[in-house]
Protein backbone atom coordinates (compact mmCIF):
# COMPACT_ATOMS: atom_id res chain seq x y z
CA MET A 1 -21.85 11.09 5.63
CA SER A 2 -20.58 13.86 7.44
CA PHE A 3 -19.17 13.52 10.54
CA LEU A 4 -22.01 14.98 13.02
CA LYS A 5 -24.26 12.61 11.28
CA PHE A 6 -21.39 9.27 12.00
CA MET A 7 -21.46 10.42 15.93
CA THR A 8 -25.26 9.70 16.00
CA VAL A 9 -25.42 6.22 14.46
CA LYS A 10 -25.65 3.17 16.63
CA PRO A 11 -22.32 2.22 18.07
CA SER A 12 -23.00 -1.31 16.49
CA ALA A 13 -22.95 0.28 13.18
CA LYS A 14 -19.87 2.59 13.98
CA LEU A 15 -17.92 -0.36 14.80
CA GLY A 16 -18.78 -2.17 11.60
CA ALA A 17 -18.30 0.67 9.27
CA MET A 18 -14.55 1.25 11.18
CA GLY A 19 -13.83 -2.58 10.66
CA LEU A 20 -15.06 -2.60 7.17
CA VAL A 21 -12.24 0.18 6.33
CA LEU A 22 -9.72 -1.26 8.42
CA ALA A 23 -10.01 -4.49 6.52
CA LEU A 24 -10.09 -2.58 3.60
CA THR A 25 -6.52 -0.36 4.60
CA ALA A 26 -5.34 -4.26 5.40
CA GLY A 27 -6.04 -5.44 1.97
CA LEU A 28 -4.87 -2.67 0.06
CA SER A 29 -1.61 -2.47 1.87
CA ALA A 30 -0.19 -6.33 1.31
CA CYS A 31 -0.63 -5.87 -2.18
CA ALA A 32 2.62 -4.78 -3.00
CA PRO A 33 5.73 -7.18 -3.24
CA GLU A 34 8.67 -6.43 -0.49
CA VAL A 35 11.28 -4.70 -1.69
CA GLY A 36 14.53 -6.76 -3.01
CA SER A 37 12.20 -9.59 -4.47
CA ASP A 38 11.65 -10.84 -7.59
CA ALA A 39 8.57 -9.71 -8.00
CA TRP A 40 9.43 -6.22 -6.76
CA CYS A 41 12.92 -6.21 -9.43
CA LYS A 42 10.30 -7.37 -12.23
CA GLN A 43 7.71 -4.42 -11.37
CA MET A 44 10.52 -2.06 -11.24
CA LYS A 45 11.70 -3.02 -14.55
CA GLU A 46 8.31 -2.32 -16.03
CA LYS A 47 8.09 1.01 -14.68
CA PRO A 48 9.14 4.00 -16.47
CA SER A 49 12.58 4.52 -15.12
CA GLY A 50 11.80 8.72 -14.49
CA ASP A 51 8.66 8.02 -12.28
CA TRP A 52 11.01 6.42 -9.90
CA THR A 53 12.21 7.92 -6.52
CA ALA A 54 15.93 7.86 -5.42
CA ASN A 55 14.90 5.48 -2.97
CA GLU A 56 13.53 2.94 -5.65
CA ALA A 57 16.50 3.60 -7.64
CA ALA A 58 19.07 2.80 -4.60
CA ASP A 59 17.06 -0.22 -3.35
CA TYR A 60 16.65 -1.63 -7.37
CA ALA A 61 20.40 -1.26 -7.68
CA LYS A 62 21.44 -2.91 -4.05
CA HIS A 63 18.78 -5.44 -4.30
CA CYS A 64 18.30 -6.38 -8.22
CA VAL A 65 21.88 -5.79 -10.18
CA PHE A 66 24.00 -5.90 -7.44
CA LYS A 67 22.83 -9.47 -5.85
């Protein structure tokens, strides 16, 4: 749907569509475990170390190796 067509839709439909997008965004952002948690450390162990960012490597060392 183009932006111009979206702007001509009824306000209640716009609110419903925006609410759905916000709900999906909030749901997806809650899926990642908190940095430093046991689940995060396990997830990082399973991830190839070549795919780690510098921040992930530093956080892994800080929270999972040197507890």
